[in-house]
Every structure is written in C-alpha cells, then in structure tokens.
Protein backbone atom coordinates (compact mmCIF):
# COMPACT_ATOMS: atom_id res chain seq x y z
CA MET A 1 -2.52 32.97 19.58
CA LYS A 2 -2.55 29.45 21.08
CA ILE A 3 -6.68 30.08 21.40
CA LEU A 4 -6.56 30.80 17.62
CA ASP A 5 -4.33 27.68 16.70
CA ASN A 6 -6.82 25.31 18.82
CA TYR A 7 -9.84 26.86 17.31
CA ILE A 8 -8.69 26.64 13.84
CA GLY A 9 -6.89 23.28 14.32
CA LYS A 10 -9.97 21.87 15.85
CA SER A 11 -12.30 22.96 13.10
CA VAL A 12 -10.12 21.50 10.14
CA ALA A 13 -9.04 18.40 12.26
CA SER A 14 -12.80 17.35 13.04
CA SER A 15 -13.35 18.00 9.16
CA MET A 16 -10.28 15.86 8.12
CA LEU A 17 -11.96 12.85 10.25
CA VAL A 18 -15.20 13.25 8.93
CA VAL A 19 -14.03 13.32 5.42
CA LEU A 20 -11.81 10.25 5.98
CA SER A 21 -14.82 8.43 7.94
CA VAL A 22 -16.35 9.13 4.81
CA LEU A 23 -14.06 8.08 2.13
CA LEU A 24 -13.14 5.06 4.18
CA ALA A 25 -16.78 4.04 4.45
CA LEU A 26 -17.11 4.21 0.42
CA PHE A 27 -13.91 2.62 -0.32
CA THR A 28 -15.06 -0.30 2.06
CA LEU A 29 -18.52 -0.56 0.47
CA PHE A 30 -17.08 -0.76 -2.83
CA GLY A 31 -14.06 -3.27 -1.92
CA PHE A 32 -16.85 -5.61 -0.32
CA LEU A 33 -18.91 -5.58 -3.18
CA ASP A 34 -16.03 -6.27 -5.18
CA GLU A 35 -14.93 -8.95 -2.95
CA LEU A 36 -18.27 -10.71 -3.40
CA LYS A 37 -17.40 -11.97 -6.70
CA ASP A 38 -14.71 -14.47 -4.88
CA VAL A 39 -17.01 -15.44 -2.08
CA GLY A 40 -17.25 -19.22 -2.40
CA LYS A 41 -13.67 -19.94 -3.88
CA GLY A 42 -12.07 -22.39 -1.51
CA ASN A 43 -12.76 -21.47 1.87
CA TYR A 44 -13.16 -17.69 1.26
CA GLY A 45 -16.43 -17.12 3.19
CA VAL A 46 -18.29 -13.47 3.87
CA GLY A 47 -16.53 -13.60 7.24
CA GLN A 48 -13.01 -13.94 5.56
CA ALA A 49 -13.89 -11.20 2.77
CA ILE A 50 -15.24 -8.68 5.94
CA LEU A 51 -11.87 -9.36 7.69
CA TYR A 52 -9.63 -8.78 4.69
CA ILE A 53 -11.61 -5.26 4.01
CA LEU A 54 -11.07 -4.39 7.44
CA LEU A 55 -7.52 -5.43 7.30
CA THR A 56 -6.64 -3.35 4.44
CA LEU A 57 -8.55 -0.22 6.03
CA PRO A 58 -5.19 1.21 7.35
CA SER A 59 -3.35 1.03 4.32
CA LEU A 60 -6.40 2.92 2.39
CA ALA A 61 -5.96 5.47 5.08
CA TYR A 62 -2.50 6.24 4.38
CA GLN A 63 -3.38 6.32 0.64
CA LEU A 64 -6.12 8.70 1.17
CA THR A 65 -4.04 11.42 3.41
CA PRO A 66 -3.67 13.72 0.55
CA MET A 67 -7.12 13.66 -0.24
CA THR A 68 -8.22 13.72 3.22
CA ALA A 69 -5.95 16.75 3.90
CA LEU A 70 -7.29 18.88 0.72
CA LEU A 71 -11.39 17.99 1.27
CA GLY A 72 -11.09 18.20 5.29
CA CYS A 73 -9.09 21.79 5.48
CA THR A 74 -11.54 23.09 2.69
CA ILE A 75 -14.58 22.07 4.58
CA GLY A 76 -13.23 23.35 7.88
CA LEU A 77 -11.95 26.91 6.86
CA GLY A 78 -15.32 26.85 4.61
CA MET A 79 -17.55 26.62 7.64
CA LEU A 80 -15.46 29.06 9.38
CA ALA A 81 -16.14 31.62 6.46
CA GLY A 82 -19.71 30.79 6.13
CA ASN A 83 -20.23 31.79 9.78
CA SER A 84 -18.01 34.80 9.35
CA GLU A 85 -15.69 33.56 11.66
CA LEU A 86 -12.45 34.07 9.32
CA THR A 87 -13.73 37.72 8.64
CA ALA A 88 -13.65 38.05 12.22
CA ILE A 89 -10.20 36.89 12.82
CA ARG A 90 -8.83 38.85 10.07
CA SER A 91 -10.54 42.08 11.40
CA ALA A 92 -8.92 41.49 14.57
CA GLY A 93 -5.49 41.94 13.05
CA VAL A 94 -4.61 38.24 12.27
CA SER A 95 -2.79 37.91 9.21
CA LEU A 96 -3.11 35.38 6.26
CA GLU A 97 0.04 34.17 7.27
CA ARG A 98 -0.93 33.18 10.45
CA ILE A 99 -4.35 31.50 9.34
CA ILE A 100 -2.24 29.71 7.38
CA TRP A 101 0.31 28.45 9.71
CA SER A 102 -2.61 27.51 12.06
CA VAL A 103 -3.69 25.17 9.38
CA LEU A 104 -0.30 23.72 8.71
CA LYS A 105 0.05 22.75 12.03
CA VAL A 106 -2.93 20.48 11.65
CA GLY A 107 -1.59 19.29 8.54
CA ILE A 108 1.83 18.26 9.97
CA TYR A 109 0.01 16.51 12.85
CA THR A 110 -1.82 14.56 10.71
CA MET A 111 1.05 13.88 8.23
CA VAL A 112 2.78 12.26 11.15
CA VAL A 113 0.03 10.46 12.35
CA MET A 114 -0.45 8.85 9.02
CA VAL A 115 3.26 8.07 8.54
CA LEU A 116 3.36 6.01 11.50
CA VAL A 117 0.13 4.43 10.45
CA GLY A 118 1.51 3.82 6.83
CA GLU A 119 5.05 2.43 8.20
CA TRP A 120 4.16 0.24 11.16
CA ILE A 121 0.61 -0.84 10.91
CA ALA A 122 -0.64 -1.09 7.30
CA PRO A 123 2.56 -2.79 5.78
CA VAL A 124 1.83 -5.73 8.74
CA SER A 125 -2.07 -5.76 8.33
CA GLY A 126 -1.58 -5.38 4.37
CA GLN A 127 0.65 -8.36 3.92
CA TYR A 128 -1.20 -10.42 6.60
CA ALA A 129 -4.60 -9.45 4.58
CA GLN A 130 -3.50 -10.65 1.15
CA THR A 131 -1.96 -13.66 2.68
CA MET A 132 -5.26 -14.60 4.50
CA ARG A 133 -7.18 -14.09 1.15
CA SER A 134 -5.16 -16.14 -1.12
CA VAL A 135 -4.76 -19.07 1.06
CA ALA A 136 -8.64 -19.42 2.11
CA LYS A 137 -9.15 -19.30 -2.06
CA SER A 138 -6.81 -22.13 -2.38
CA ASN A 139 -7.52 -25.27 -1.27
CA SER A 140 -3.82 -26.33 -1.25
CA LEU A 141 -2.49 -23.71 0.45
CA SER A 142 -1.53 -23.23 4.07
CA LEU A 143 0.52 -20.54 5.98
CA LYS A 144 0.84 -20.96 9.74
CA GLY A 145 3.58 -19.77 12.15
CA SER A 146 7.29 -18.11 10.74
CA GLN A 147 8.15 -21.25 8.84
CA GLY A 148 7.04 -20.13 5.17
CA LEU A 149 4.11 -21.53 2.93
CA TRP A 150 2.87 -24.95 3.19
CA ALA A 151 1.27 -26.58 0.35
CA LYS A 152 0.50 -30.28 -0.47
CA ASP A 153 0.56 -32.33 -3.92
CA GLY A 154 -0.75 -35.71 -3.78
CA THR A 155 1.67 -37.52 -1.31
CA GLN A 156 4.30 -34.42 -0.91
CA TYR A 157 4.03 -31.82 1.46
CA ILE A 158 5.79 -28.78 0.40
CA ASN A 159 7.44 -26.13 2.49
CA VAL A 160 8.69 -23.02 0.72
CA ARG A 161 10.56 -20.49 2.87
CA GLU A 162 11.07 -17.50 0.38
CA ILE A 163 8.60 -16.72 -2.84
CA LEU A 164 10.62 -14.25 -5.02
CA PRO A 165 10.12 -12.30 -8.15
CA GLY A 166 10.69 -13.92 -11.48
CA ARG A 167 9.14 -17.45 -10.93
CA ARG A 168 11.94 -18.21 -8.26
CA LEU A 169 11.74 -19.93 -4.85
CA GLY A 170 14.32 -20.11 -2.00
CA SER A 171 14.80 -22.90 0.50
CA VAL A 172 12.52 -25.56 -0.71
CA PHE A 173 11.53 -28.69 1.35
CA ILE A 174 9.77 -31.56 -0.01
CA TYR A 175 8.51 -34.41 2.40
CA GLU A 176 7.52 -37.56 1.01
CA ILE A 177 4.94 -39.43 2.66
CA ASP A 178 3.71 -43.13 2.02
CA GLU A 179 0.41 -44.72 2.83
CA LYS A 180 0.94 -45.50 6.49
CA HIS A 181 2.05 -41.67 6.90
CA ARG A 182 5.68 -42.29 7.21
CA VAL A 183 8.16 -39.99 5.81
CA THR A 184 9.99 -41.66 3.12
CA HIS A 185 11.87 -39.17 1.64
CA ILE A 186 13.07 -35.07 2.33
CA LEU A 187 14.50 -33.17 -0.18
CA HIS A 188 16.17 -29.46 0.43
CA ALA A 189 16.86 -27.23 -2.68
CA GLU A 190 18.41 -24.05 -1.87
CA SER A 191 16.60 -22.67 -4.80
CA ALA A 192 14.49 -23.11 -7.90
CA VAL A 193 13.04 -21.37 -11.10
CA TYR A 194 10.18 -22.31 -13.21
CA LYS A 195 11.27 -23.39 -16.41
CA GLN A 196 9.27 -25.22 -19.42
CA GLN A 197 6.18 -25.95 -16.97
CA ASN A 198 8.15 -27.47 -14.32
CA TRP A 199 10.65 -26.46 -11.41
CA GLU A 200 14.11 -26.84 -11.86
CA LEU A 201 15.77 -27.26 -8.36
CA GLU A 202 19.19 -26.13 -7.63
CA ASN A 203 21.58 -27.63 -5.14
CA VAL A 204 19.69 -30.59 -3.95
CA LYS A 205 20.18 -32.42 -0.93
CA HIS A 206 17.95 -36.04 -0.77
CA THR A 207 17.27 -38.25 2.35
CA TYR A 208 15.90 -41.15 2.02
CA PHE A 209 14.65 -43.44 5.03
CA ASN A 210 14.54 -47.00 4.11
CA ASP A 211 13.34 -49.46 6.94
CA ASN A 212 16.33 -48.65 9.61
CA GLN A 213 18.73 -47.26 6.82
CA VAL A 214 19.03 -43.53 6.34
CA THR A 215 20.78 -42.62 2.84
CA SER A 216 21.91 -39.18 1.41
CA THR A 217 22.66 -37.89 -2.33
CA THR A 218 22.93 -34.42 -3.96
CA ASP A 219 22.22 -33.01 -7.22
CA GLU A 220 23.03 -29.63 -8.78
CA ARG A 221 20.07 -29.22 -10.81
CA TYR A 222 16.72 -31.72 -10.33
CA LEU A 223 13.63 -31.35 -12.12
CA TRP A 224 10.72 -31.37 -9.89
CA GLN A 225 7.41 -32.06 -11.42
CA THR A 226 4.14 -30.74 -9.75
CA THR A 227 1.01 -29.10 -9.74
CA LEU A 228 2.02 -26.03 -7.66
CA SER A 229 2.34 -23.70 -10.49
CA PRO A 230 3.99 -20.23 -10.28
CA GLU A 231 0.28 -18.45 -10.67
CA LEU A 232 -0.50 -20.66 -7.37
CA LEU A 233 2.62 -19.26 -5.54
CA ASN A 234 2.28 -15.93 -6.50
CA VAL A 235 -0.39 -15.17 -3.99
CA VAL A 236 2.13 -14.64 -1.39
CA THR A 237 4.73 -12.81 -3.53
CA VAL A 238 6.08 -9.50 -2.14
CA LYS A 239 3.51 -6.98 -3.14
CA SER A 240 4.87 -3.18 -3.55
CA ARG A 241 2.09 -1.31 -1.58
CA THR A 242 2.31 -3.42 1.20
CA LEU A 243 6.16 -2.78 2.22
CA SER A 244 7.22 -0.05 4.55
CA VAL A 245 9.56 2.19 2.92
CA TRP A 246 12.64 0.61 4.51
CA GLY A 247 11.60 -2.79 3.21
CA LEU A 248 10.98 -1.37 -0.03
CA TYR A 249 14.63 -0.28 0.12
CA GLN A 250 15.87 -3.49 1.06
CA TYR A 251 13.63 -5.18 -1.73
CA ILE A 252 15.03 -3.13 -4.07
CA GLN A 253 18.32 -3.73 -3.01
CA TYR A 254 17.72 -7.29 -3.17
CA LEU A 255 16.33 -7.19 -6.85
CA GLU A 256 19.45 -5.09 -8.19
CA ASN A 257 21.82 -7.30 -6.57
CA ASN A 258 20.43 -10.17 -8.30
CA GLY A 259 19.88 -8.35 -11.83
CA LEU A 260 16.18 -8.18 -11.56
CA SER A 261 13.89 -5.06 -12.53
CA ALA A 262 13.26 -2.70 -9.61
CA GLU A 263 11.51 0.05 -11.72
CA GLN A 264 8.04 -0.91 -10.32
CA TYR A 265 9.29 -1.24 -6.42
CA LYS A 266 11.31 2.28 -7.15
CA GLN A 267 8.52 4.19 -8.03
CA THR A 268 6.12 2.86 -4.73
CA PHE A 269 9.25 4.15 -2.84
CA TRP A 270 9.55 7.64 -3.79
CA SER A 271 5.53 7.84 -3.64
CA LYS A 272 5.96 7.02 -0.16
CA ILE A 273 8.81 9.33 0.57
CA THR A 274 7.11 12.19 -1.02
CA LEU A 275 3.92 11.56 0.66
CA PRO A 276 4.27 14.05 3.34
CA ALA A 277 5.35 16.62 0.93
CA VAL A 278 2.38 15.69 -1.01
CA THR A 279 0.06 16.09 2.13
CA LEU A 280 1.20 19.27 2.94
CA VAL A 281 0.89 20.71 -0.80
CA MET A 282 -2.77 19.49 -0.67
CA VAL A 283 -3.16 21.42 2.86
CA LEU A 284 -2.05 24.84 1.08
CA LEU A 285 -4.38 23.79 -2.14
CA SER A 286 -7.01 24.51 0.50
CA ILE A 287 -6.63 27.93 1.39
CA PRO A 288 -7.32 29.57 -2.25
CA PHE A 289 -10.39 28.05 -2.29
CA VAL A 290 -11.44 29.94 0.92
CA PHE A 291 -9.71 32.97 0.43
CA GLY A 292 -9.46 32.75 -3.40
CA PRO A 293 -11.93 33.21 -6.16
CA LEU A 294 -14.20 30.85 -4.44
CA ARG A 295 -14.52 32.58 -1.35
CA SER A 296 -18.20 33.69 -2.18
CA VAL A 297 -19.60 30.38 -2.99
CA GLY A 298 -21.25 27.85 -0.45
CA VAL A 299 -19.27 24.87 1.18
CA GLY A 300 -20.49 22.25 -1.36
CA HIS A 301 -18.99 24.22 -3.90
CA ARG A 302 -15.65 24.38 -2.28
CA VAL A 303 -15.89 20.52 -1.47
CA LEU A 304 -16.92 19.75 -5.21
CA ALA A 305 -14.00 21.81 -6.60
CA GLY A 306 -11.52 20.37 -4.10
CA ALA A 307 -12.69 16.78 -5.00
CA LEU A 308 -11.92 17.62 -8.85
CA VAL A 309 -8.53 18.97 -8.01
CA GLY A 310 -7.75 15.88 -5.60
CA ILE A 311 -8.95 13.64 -8.40
CA GLY A 312 -7.06 15.32 -11.37
CA PHE A 313 -3.93 15.51 -8.95
CA HIS A 314 -4.22 11.34 -8.63
CA LEU A 315 -4.73 10.66 -12.58
CA ILE A 316 -1.82 13.54 -13.34
CA SER A 317 0.32 11.35 -10.72
CA GLN A 318 -0.66 7.86 -11.99
CA MET A 319 -0.04 8.82 -15.62
CA SER A 320 3.23 9.69 -14.70
CA ASN A 321 4.25 7.02 -13.03
CA TYR A 322 3.11 4.76 -16.13
CA LEU A 323 4.84 6.68 -18.47
CA GLY A 324 7.63 6.52 -16.25
CA LEU A 325 7.22 3.04 -16.53
CA VAL A 326 6.80 2.69 -20.25
CA LEU A 327 9.36 5.47 -21.01
CA SER A 328 12.16 4.07 -18.57
CA ILE A 329 11.96 7.40 -16.96
CA SER A 330 13.74 7.90 -13.73
CA PRO A 331 11.45 7.22 -10.86
CA VAL A 332 12.36 9.83 -8.74
CA LEU A 333 11.55 12.27 -11.58
CA SER A 334 8.15 10.43 -12.77
CA VAL A 335 6.91 10.60 -9.12
CA LEU A 336 8.32 14.13 -8.27
CA LEU A 337 6.80 16.05 -11.39
CA PRO A 338 3.39 16.06 -10.37
CA THR A 339 3.91 17.19 -6.75
CA ALA A 340 6.46 19.78 -8.04
CA LEU A 341 3.93 21.35 -10.68
CA ALA A 342 0.99 21.12 -7.81
CA ALA A 343 3.33 23.34 -5.66
CA VAL A 344 4.09 25.77 -8.39
CA VAL A 345 0.42 26.28 -8.77
CA VAL A 346 0.14 26.38 -5.27
CA GLY A 347 2.13 29.10 -4.90
CA VAL A 348 0.93 31.21 -7.81
CA LEU A 349 -2.70 31.03 -6.12
CA LEU A 350 -1.26 32.17 -2.55
CA ARG A 351 0.66 34.94 -4.55
CA ARG A 352 -2.48 36.29 -5.90
CA ILE A 353 -4.63 35.84 -2.70
CA HIS A 354 -1.94 37.84 -0.60
C-alpha cells in the first residue's frame, strides 16, 4: 500500500504544484498591472513594484491553498482516471476509502506546509512589502531599523514608535532642528489622538536646549499642528491579513482591552484557524468529480467544474463574512457556516458514490 500511496500522492502533489504555479503566475501578472498605476508616485518605481509583488507571493499562496487543493486533486485523480489507472487499482481490490486516504495524506502534508508558510513567512514578507510600498510612494516617510516610523515636516523630525487604529499613536518623539542643524527642542508624548484636524498629544515632556542650558517642562495635553495626517501615517497601520494567528489573537486582546472594535480581526483570525479544515474539505470535494457523475467526462470539464465550485465557495464565504459584520453576527458563526455547509455537501456526495 505504500507504493500505492506514493503513486497516487505523486500524481496529486505534482498537479497541485502546477495549479499553484499557474494561479500565482496569473495573480502576479494582474497584481503587477494593477501596481503600474502607482509607479512614479514618490520613489515608487518598476523595481519596487516587482519587489512588492514578489514579497506578497507567500501570503497569496497561503490564501490560495483551498483552491489549489481542490483543482490539484481533481486534475491528479482525473489524469489517473483518464488513463484507466484508477479502474485498474479498483479492480485489484483497493477500496474507495483507501484511495481517498491516499489523497487525504497529500492534502494533510500540503496543509502543514502552507500553514507554516502562512504563520512564519507570509506575515514577515507581507508586512515588509506593505511598508516598503507605502514608504516608497511617500516623500516624507522613512522606515529604517527597529525604531518605528520616521517622518520630516519642515524643521521637525518625527519618530512614531506605535501606529494604532482609531487615529491614535503611541510614544511620539519630535526633534526640532535649527538652521545650523542643531537640536533645539525634543518633545516626547506617551500617546496622541487626532482631533479636529490636529494631533492632541498626551503626557508630554519638553526638553529645550538653549546655548549651554537645558530646561524641561511637562504638559498633560499639547496641541501639535503638522501636515502629517492620519491618512499618511495609515500606510503602516496593522493590516489583519499580514498577521499570524498568534499576532491576531494578541491584537484582538489589545483592541478589546482599549474598547475598540475587533470584529474584522476576529473574522480574519477564525478564517486562518479554519483554513486547514477548509483545505481538507476541498480535497474530499475533488473525489466526486472523479468517481461521481463527472467520471465519464474529460479532465478539462472536471477542472472547469472544480474552478466554478471553488469560486462559488469563495464568494459564499466572502458574503457570509460581510453579512456577519453588517448584522453583527458572531465571527465564529459567519466564518464556520460556509465550511460546515461545504462539509455537508461533501458528505452527501461521497455517500452517493460509495
């Protein structure tokens, strides 16, 4: 049986790899064409656009895992069926359950690899890609090292350590420079909130440098007038799709502890939690395309049917997520419902072909 597992697994795995390569190539092309409209803004050139697209590939591959599993298994098993190899395997006394298990093993291995990519590689590359792209498009932002975001506004050099949702900042440093490039004033605020077209700094400490004298003052509130708007700073605000499951969990806790809405992040969290289950459901869904009503048609028809089913499942999932946000439905329910429905459909179809 190990030989059978390897043979079926090799066919399915190679088909998955081909499908993933084709999907990534298509999405990369469309993504690059979409990025061309931003080329020329600030320092954002063709090279940066290509780098941005390449850095988002791990995240894209992770998101495409269910579709890849469905189409890859459908094509791999379809080719075996087209060459009458599955018929020969069944004639040799191998049960349908044993064939399904051979396919499931490939799905499990694929799921493990993609979860590792989605949790360890995609968050790092995705966040770097987003930041690199946004900073390159802006002439006033710079992000280097591990000391947060740097910006220049006239004679002020600004360092923001934390950029939070709700137009809030954490730990802001402002350095005033004179015409001789000497620091004359350092301001540090524990936090800041954007109100009425200005930043209101909280718990502020001023340090002034006058000739040979250094003086310090404090303010509970300080109105900071600058051209640095929340829209400009929003380029490096946390994006839910770039966070790992653990990062999402921590960020959800932070938002709830500060009385901020976390529904969107909860949906992303549960979507990532359920991705392995969705992948396995898609693997099982490929079985009826080969052994069910479509067993007598060609591979092309099976691929088309698989693509339509995959796209339909994606649309239903997106619709469920949007309705969950609009109607304030539990994120767990709005995310799990499409997967549960797909699992029921798979169960019914497998029962019919048994």
